[in-house]
Amino acid sequence: MSFEIEGLLHKKFETESKSATFQAREFVIQTDGQYPQYVKFQLTQDKCALIDSYNEGSKIKVNFDLRGREWNEKFFTNLNAWKVSAAQDVAAASLPPAAGMSDFSGINENYADAPATTAANTKPEDFDDLPF
């Protein structure tokens, strides 16, 4: 199961070698909203370098998975990031229509000429009360 979140890069930590074959790196983002949250993520192995190109304070989008495990009757949950990208602003996200796509500017909004359909001029066999 994959999740996505956007926020400001609050803190990034150094890569730690946990063993000869395993390395991990953590970073924290701050979410927007009335009550901002600080959410810590983990990058592992070859993904540790994903956060290198972003500075603290940058707005980023993180794709991640939930990972949970048990150890000595204790339970741990990690937010395992697998993709980090720059977040788009709302203004930048509103792009013009793609080539060949209509922008609906030529639609006639005068509907006065359209015939009105009412219950009085429909036959019982034309009536269908199904919602689809």
N, C-alpha and C. Protein backbone atom coordinates (compact mmCIF):
# COMPACT_ATOMS: atom_id res chain seq x y z
N MET A 1 0.84 -1.17 0.00
CA MET A 1 0.00 0.00 0.00
C MET A 1 0.89 1.24 0.00
N SER A 2 0.62 2.15 -0.90
CA SER A 2 1.47 3.32 -1.08
C SER A 2 0.72 4.59 -0.65
N PHE A 3 1.45 5.52 -0.07
CA PHE A 3 0.90 6.79 0.38
C PHE A 3 1.74 7.93 -0.17
N GLU A 4 1.16 9.14 -0.13
CA GLU A 4 1.85 10.33 -0.62
C GLU A 4 1.53 11.49 0.32
N ILE A 5 2.53 12.33 0.59
CA ILE A 5 2.34 13.49 1.46
C ILE A 5 3.25 14.61 0.98
N GLU A 6 2.80 15.85 1.19
CA GLU A 6 3.61 17.02 0.85
C GLU A 6 3.88 17.83 2.10
N GLY A 7 5.02 18.48 2.12
CA GLY A 7 5.37 19.34 3.24
C GLY A 7 6.73 19.97 3.03
N LEU A 8 7.15 20.73 4.02
CA LEU A 8 8.46 21.36 3.99
C LEU A 8 9.50 20.43 4.59
N LEU A 9 10.64 20.31 3.93
CA LEU A 9 11.73 19.51 4.47
C LEU A 9 12.27 20.24 5.70
N HIS A 10 12.02 19.68 6.86
CA HIS A 10 12.40 20.32 8.12
C HIS A 10 13.83 19.97 8.53
N LYS A 11 14.17 18.69 8.43
CA LYS A 11 15.50 18.23 8.88
C LYS A 11 15.87 16.99 8.10
N LYS A 12 17.13 16.90 7.70
CA LYS A 12 17.63 15.65 7.12
C LYS A 12 18.87 15.22 7.89
N PHE A 13 18.95 13.95 8.14
CA PHE A 13 20.03 13.38 8.93
C PHE A 13 21.04 12.69 8.03
N GLU A 14 22.20 12.40 8.57
CA GLU A 14 23.25 11.70 7.83
C GLU A 14 22.89 10.23 7.65
N THR A 15 23.45 9.62 6.63
CA THR A 15 23.27 8.19 6.39
C THR A 15 24.01 7.41 7.46
N GLU A 16 23.36 6.41 8.03
CA GLU A 16 23.96 5.57 9.06
C GLU A 16 24.11 4.15 8.53
N SER A 17 25.27 3.56 8.75
CA SER A 17 25.49 2.16 8.40
C SER A 17 25.08 1.31 9.60
N LYS A 18 24.01 0.58 9.45
CA LYS A 18 23.50 -0.25 10.55
C LYS A 18 24.26 -1.57 10.65
N SER A 19 24.74 -2.05 9.51
CA SER A 19 25.58 -3.26 9.46
C SER A 19 26.45 -3.13 8.22
N ALA A 20 27.20 -4.17 7.95
CA ALA A 20 28.09 -4.14 6.78
C ALA A 20 27.30 -4.07 5.47
N THR A 21 26.05 -4.54 5.49
CA THR A 21 25.25 -4.59 4.26
C THR A 21 24.00 -3.73 4.29
N PHE A 22 23.77 -3.00 5.37
CA PHE A 22 22.53 -2.22 5.47
C PHE A 22 22.83 -0.79 5.92
N GLN A 23 22.24 0.18 5.19
CA GLN A 23 22.36 1.59 5.57
C GLN A 23 20.99 2.24 5.52
N ALA A 24 20.80 3.25 6.36
CA ALA A 24 19.52 3.96 6.45
C ALA A 24 19.78 5.44 6.69
N ARG A 25 18.80 6.24 6.26
CA ARG A 25 18.87 7.69 6.46
C ARG A 25 17.46 8.18 6.78
N GLU A 26 17.36 9.10 7.70
CA GLU A 26 16.06 9.63 8.10
C GLU A 26 15.97 11.10 7.74
N PHE A 27 14.73 11.56 7.52
CA PHE A 27 14.46 12.98 7.32
C PHE A 27 13.07 13.28 7.85
N VAL A 28 12.82 14.56 8.13
CA VAL A 28 11.56 14.99 8.73
C VAL A 28 10.94 16.07 7.85
N ILE A 29 9.63 15.94 7.60
CA ILE A 29 8.92 17.01 6.91
C ILE A 29 7.89 17.61 7.85
N GLN A 30 7.57 18.86 7.61
CA GLN A 30 6.53 19.56 8.37
C GLN A 30 5.35 19.75 7.43
N THR A 31 4.17 19.26 7.85
CA THR A 31 2.98 19.38 7.03
C THR A 31 2.32 20.74 7.22
N ASP A 32 1.53 21.15 6.24
CA ASP A 32 0.77 22.38 6.32
C ASP A 32 -0.49 22.13 7.14
N GLY A 33 -1.16 23.19 7.50
CA GLY A 33 -2.43 23.07 8.19
C GLY A 33 -2.47 23.86 9.48
N GLN A 34 -3.62 23.84 10.12
CA GLN A 34 -3.80 24.58 11.36
C GLN A 34 -2.88 24.04 12.45
N TYR A 35 -2.70 22.73 12.48
CA TYR A 35 -1.82 22.09 13.45
C TYR A 35 -0.74 21.32 12.70
N PRO A 36 0.36 21.99 12.35
CA PRO A 36 1.42 21.32 11.58
C PRO A 36 1.96 20.10 12.33
N GLN A 37 2.28 19.10 11.57
CA GLN A 37 2.84 17.86 12.12
C GLN A 37 4.26 17.68 11.59
N TYR A 38 5.10 17.09 12.41
CA TYR A 38 6.46 16.75 12.00
C TYR A 38 6.48 15.24 11.82
N VAL A 39 6.71 14.81 10.57
CA VAL A 39 6.64 13.39 10.22
C VAL A 39 8.02 12.92 9.80
N LYS A 40 8.51 11.85 10.46
CA LYS A 40 9.84 11.32 10.17
C LYS A 40 9.74 10.14 9.20
N PHE A 41 10.58 10.15 8.18
CA PHE A 41 10.63 9.09 7.18
C PHE A 41 12.01 8.45 7.19
N GLN A 42 12.07 7.25 6.64
CA GLN A 42 13.32 6.51 6.53
C GLN A 42 13.58 6.16 5.08
N LEU A 43 14.82 6.36 4.65
CA LEU A 43 15.29 5.89 3.35
C LEU A 43 16.28 4.77 3.61
N THR A 44 16.28 3.75 2.78
CA THR A 44 17.21 2.63 2.99
C THR A 44 17.98 2.31 1.72
N GLN A 45 19.15 1.72 1.93
CA GLN A 45 20.04 1.23 0.88
C GLN A 45 20.32 2.29 -0.19
N ASP A 46 20.04 1.99 -1.46
CA ASP A 46 20.35 2.90 -2.55
C ASP A 46 19.43 4.13 -2.58
N LYS A 47 18.36 4.13 -1.81
CA LYS A 47 17.44 5.27 -1.76
C LYS A 47 17.94 6.39 -0.83
N CYS A 48 18.99 6.15 -0.07
CA CYS A 48 19.49 7.15 0.89
C CYS A 48 19.88 8.47 0.21
N ALA A 49 20.25 8.43 -1.03
CA ALA A 49 20.69 9.64 -1.74
C ALA A 49 19.52 10.44 -2.30
N LEU A 50 18.30 9.96 -2.23
CA LEU A 50 17.16 10.67 -2.81
C LEU A 50 16.96 12.06 -2.23
N ILE A 51 17.33 12.27 -1.01
CA ILE A 51 17.08 13.55 -0.33
C ILE A 51 18.24 14.54 -0.49
N ASP A 52 19.36 14.09 -1.08
CA ASP A 52 20.56 14.93 -1.21
C ASP A 52 20.31 16.24 -1.95
N SER A 53 19.50 16.23 -2.99
CA SER A 53 19.34 17.42 -3.83
C SER A 53 18.35 18.45 -3.27
N TYR A 54 17.80 18.20 -2.09
CA TYR A 54 16.84 19.13 -1.49
C TYR A 54 17.43 19.75 -0.23
N ASN A 55 17.19 21.04 -0.07
CA ASN A 55 17.66 21.77 1.11
C ASN A 55 16.55 21.85 2.14
N GLU A 56 16.93 21.97 3.38
CA GLU A 56 15.94 22.15 4.43
C GLU A 56 15.15 23.42 4.13
N GLY A 57 13.84 23.35 4.26
CA GLY A 57 12.95 24.45 3.90
C GLY A 57 12.30 24.28 2.54
N SER A 58 12.79 23.32 1.73
CA SER A 58 12.21 23.07 0.41
C SER A 58 10.87 22.36 0.55
N LYS A 59 9.94 22.67 -0.34
CA LYS A 59 8.66 21.98 -0.35
C LYS A 59 8.81 20.71 -1.20
N ILE A 60 8.54 19.56 -0.59
CA ILE A 60 8.73 18.28 -1.28
C ILE A 60 7.48 17.41 -1.18
N LYS A 61 7.43 16.43 -2.08
CA LYS A 61 6.38 15.42 -2.07
C LYS A 61 7.07 14.08 -1.84
N VAL A 62 6.55 13.29 -0.89
CA VAL A 62 7.16 12.03 -0.52
C VAL A 62 6.16 10.90 -0.79
N ASN A 63 6.59 9.90 -1.53
CA ASN A 63 5.83 8.67 -1.71
C ASN A 63 6.44 7.64 -0.78
N PHE A 64 5.59 6.94 -0.01
CA PHE A 64 6.12 6.04 1.01
C PHE A 64 5.18 4.87 1.26
N ASP A 65 5.72 3.87 1.93
CA ASP A 65 4.99 2.68 2.36
C ASP A 65 5.08 2.59 3.88
N LEU A 66 4.10 1.94 4.49
CA LEU A 66 4.15 1.66 5.92
C LEU A 66 4.85 0.33 6.12
N ARG A 67 5.76 0.28 7.04
CA ARG A 67 6.47 -0.96 7.39
C ARG A 67 6.34 -1.16 8.89
N GLY A 68 5.97 -2.35 9.30
CA GLY A 68 5.86 -2.66 10.72
C GLY A 68 6.55 -3.98 11.03
N ARG A 69 7.05 -4.09 12.26
CA ARG A 69 7.71 -5.34 12.66
C ARG A 69 7.63 -5.48 14.18
N GLU A 70 7.89 -6.69 14.60
CA GLU A 70 7.90 -7.01 16.03
C GLU A 70 9.31 -7.43 16.42
N TRP A 71 9.74 -7.01 17.60
CA TRP A 71 11.03 -7.42 18.13
C TRP A 71 10.93 -7.45 19.65
N ASN A 72 11.15 -8.61 20.23
CA ASN A 72 11.10 -8.80 21.69
C ASN A 72 9.80 -8.27 22.31
N GLU A 73 8.69 -8.66 21.71
CA GLU A 73 7.36 -8.24 22.20
C GLU A 73 7.12 -6.74 22.10
N LYS A 74 7.90 -6.05 21.28
CA LYS A 74 7.70 -4.62 21.01
C LYS A 74 7.41 -4.47 19.53
N PHE A 75 6.60 -3.48 19.20
CA PHE A 75 6.19 -3.28 17.81
C PHE A 75 6.68 -1.92 17.32
N PHE A 76 7.19 -1.93 16.09
CA PHE A 76 7.76 -0.73 15.50
C PHE A 76 7.11 -0.47 14.15
N THR A 77 6.94 0.80 13.84
CA THR A 77 6.38 1.21 12.56
C THR A 77 7.33 2.21 11.92
N ASN A 78 7.63 2.00 10.65
CA ASN A 78 8.46 2.93 9.88
C ASN A 78 7.68 3.43 8.68
N LEU A 79 7.92 4.67 8.32
CA LEU A 79 7.42 5.23 7.08
C LEU A 79 8.58 5.17 6.10
N ASN A 80 8.54 4.18 5.22
CA ASN A 80 9.65 3.88 4.32
C ASN A 80 9.47 4.64 3.00
N ALA A 81 10.21 5.73 2.82
CA ALA A 81 10.12 6.55 1.61
C ALA A 81 10.81 5.84 0.45
N TRP A 82 10.19 5.88 -0.72
CA TRP A 82 10.80 5.28 -1.90
C TRP A 82 10.89 6.25 -3.07
N LYS A 83 10.27 7.44 -2.92
CA LYS A 83 10.38 8.47 -3.96
C LYS A 83 10.24 9.84 -3.30
N VAL A 84 11.11 10.76 -3.67
CA VAL A 84 11.06 12.14 -3.18
C VAL A 84 11.15 13.04 -4.40
N SER A 85 10.22 14.01 -4.50
CA SER A 85 10.24 14.94 -5.62
C SER A 85 9.83 16.32 -5.13
N ALA A 86 10.13 17.33 -5.94
CA ALA A 86 9.74 18.70 -5.59
C ALA A 86 8.23 18.82 -5.72
N ALA A 87 7.60 19.45 -4.74
CA ALA A 87 6.15 19.65 -4.78
C ALA A 87 5.84 20.81 -5.71
N GLN A 88 4.74 20.68 -6.45
CA GLN A 88 4.31 21.75 -7.35
C GLN A 88 3.39 22.70 -6.61
N ASP A 89 3.53 23.98 -6.90
CA ASP A 89 2.59 24.96 -6.37
C ASP A 89 1.28 24.83 -7.12
N VAL A 90 0.19 25.30 -6.51
CA VAL A 90 -1.12 25.21 -7.14
C VAL A 90 -1.14 25.97 -8.46
N ALA A 91 -0.50 27.14 -8.52
CA ALA A 91 -0.47 27.93 -9.75
C ALA A 91 0.28 27.19 -10.85
N ALA A 92 1.36 26.51 -10.50
CA ALA A 92 2.14 25.78 -11.51
C ALA A 92 1.43 24.53 -11.96
N ALA A 93 0.56 23.99 -11.11
CA ALA A 93 -0.14 22.75 -11.44
C ALA A 93 -1.25 22.98 -12.45
N SER A 94 -1.78 24.20 -12.57
CA SER A 94 -2.85 24.46 -13.53
C SER A 94 -2.24 24.78 -14.88
N LEU A 95 -2.09 23.75 -15.69
CA LEU A 95 -1.45 23.87 -16.99
C LEU A 95 -2.50 24.12 -18.07
N PRO A 96 -2.12 24.71 -19.20
CA PRO A 96 -3.06 24.89 -20.30
C PRO A 96 -3.44 23.53 -20.88
N PRO A 97 -4.57 23.43 -21.59
CA PRO A 97 -4.97 22.15 -22.16
C PRO A 97 -3.92 21.62 -23.12
N ALA A 98 -3.81 20.31 -23.17
CA ALA A 98 -2.84 19.67 -24.06
C ALA A 98 -3.25 19.89 -25.51
N ALA A 99 -2.30 19.78 -26.42
CA ALA A 99 -2.58 19.96 -27.84
C ALA A 99 -3.62 18.96 -28.29
N GLY A 100 -4.59 19.43 -29.04
CA GLY A 100 -5.65 18.56 -29.52
C GLY A 100 -6.82 18.45 -28.56
N MET A 101 -6.70 18.98 -27.38
CA MET A 101 -7.78 18.92 -26.39
C MET A 101 -8.52 20.24 -26.42
N SER A 102 -9.82 20.21 -26.28
CA SER A 102 -10.63 21.42 -26.28
C SER A 102 -10.58 22.10 -24.93
N ASP A 103 -10.56 23.42 -24.95
CA ASP A 103 -10.63 24.15 -23.69
C ASP A 103 -12.07 24.59 -23.40
N PHE A 104 -13.03 24.12 -24.20
CA PHE A 104 -14.46 24.37 -24.03
C PHE A 104 -14.82 25.85 -24.17
N SER A 105 -13.99 26.66 -24.81
CA SER A 105 -14.28 28.09 -24.94
C SER A 105 -15.33 28.35 -26.01
N GLY A 106 -15.55 27.42 -26.91
CA GLY A 106 -16.53 27.63 -27.97
C GLY A 106 -17.91 27.09 -27.66
N ILE A 107 -18.16 26.67 -26.45
CA ILE A 107 -19.46 26.11 -26.10
C ILE A 107 -20.47 27.23 -25.94
N ASN A 108 -21.63 27.05 -26.55
CA ASN A 108 -22.71 28.03 -26.44
C ASN A 108 -23.41 27.81 -25.11
N GLU A 109 -23.41 28.82 -24.26
CA GLU A 109 -24.04 28.68 -22.95
C GLU A 109 -25.48 29.15 -22.93
N ASN A 110 -26.06 29.45 -24.08
CA ASN A 110 -27.45 29.87 -24.14
C ASN A 110 -28.30 28.62 -24.37
N TYR A 111 -28.97 28.19 -23.35
CA TYR A 111 -29.76 26.96 -23.42
C TYR A 111 -31.24 27.23 -23.63
N ALA A 112 -31.60 28.44 -23.94
CA ALA A 112 -33.01 28.79 -24.09
C ALA A 112 -33.64 28.05 -25.27
N ASP A 113 -32.86 27.72 -26.28
CA ASP A 113 -33.40 27.04 -27.46
C ASP A 113 -33.59 25.55 -27.23
N ALA A 114 -33.03 24.99 -26.18
CA ALA A 114 -33.14 23.56 -25.93
C ALA A 114 -34.55 23.23 -25.44
N PRO A 115 -35.16 22.15 -25.96
CA PRO A 115 -36.50 21.78 -25.50
C PRO A 115 -36.45 21.26 -24.07
N ALA A 116 -37.39 21.67 -23.29
CA ALA A 116 -37.48 21.24 -21.89
C ALA A 116 -38.22 19.92 -21.83
N THR A 117 -37.70 18.99 -21.06
CA THR A 117 -38.35 17.71 -20.86
C THR A 117 -38.97 17.72 -19.48
N THR A 118 -40.23 17.45 -19.41
CA THR A 118 -40.93 17.40 -18.13
C THR A 118 -41.63 16.07 -17.98
N ALA A 119 -42.11 15.80 -16.80
CA ALA A 119 -42.84 14.55 -16.56
C ALA A 119 -44.13 14.51 -17.33
N ALA A 120 -44.70 15.67 -17.70
CA ALA A 120 -45.97 15.71 -18.41
C ALA A 120 -45.83 15.25 -19.86
N ASN A 121 -44.66 15.46 -20.49
CA ASN A 121 -44.52 15.07 -21.88
C ASN A 121 -43.68 13.81 -22.07
N THR A 122 -43.52 12.99 -21.05
CA THR A 122 -42.83 11.71 -21.19
C THR A 122 -43.82 10.58 -21.04
N LYS A 123 -43.59 9.50 -21.73
CA LYS A 123 -44.45 8.32 -21.64
C LYS A 123 -43.99 7.45 -20.47
N PRO A 124 -44.86 6.67 -19.87
CA PRO A 124 -44.47 5.83 -18.73
C PRO A 124 -43.34 4.87 -19.07
N GLU A 125 -43.29 4.35 -20.30
CA GLU A 125 -42.22 3.42 -20.65
C GLU A 125 -40.87 4.12 -20.81
N ASP A 126 -40.86 5.45 -20.96
CA ASP A 126 -39.62 6.20 -21.04
C ASP A 126 -39.04 6.49 -19.65
N PHE A 127 -39.87 6.34 -18.61
CA PHE A 127 -39.43 6.67 -17.26
C PHE A 127 -38.60 5.53 -16.70
N ASP A 128 -37.43 5.86 -16.17
CA ASP A 128 -36.54 4.87 -15.58
C ASP A 128 -36.00 5.46 -14.28
N ASP A 129 -36.32 4.86 -13.15
CA ASP A 129 -35.91 5.42 -11.88
C ASP A 129 -34.58 4.87 -11.37
N LEU A 130 -33.88 4.12 -12.19
CA LEU A 130 -32.58 3.61 -11.79
C LEU A 130 -31.57 4.76 -11.77
N PRO A 131 -30.68 4.79 -10.79
CA PRO A 131 -29.73 5.90 -10.67
C PRO A 131 -28.57 5.83 -11.65
N PHE A 132 -28.54 4.83 -12.53
CA PHE A 132 -27.43 4.74 -13.47
C PHE A 132 -27.92 4.41 -14.85
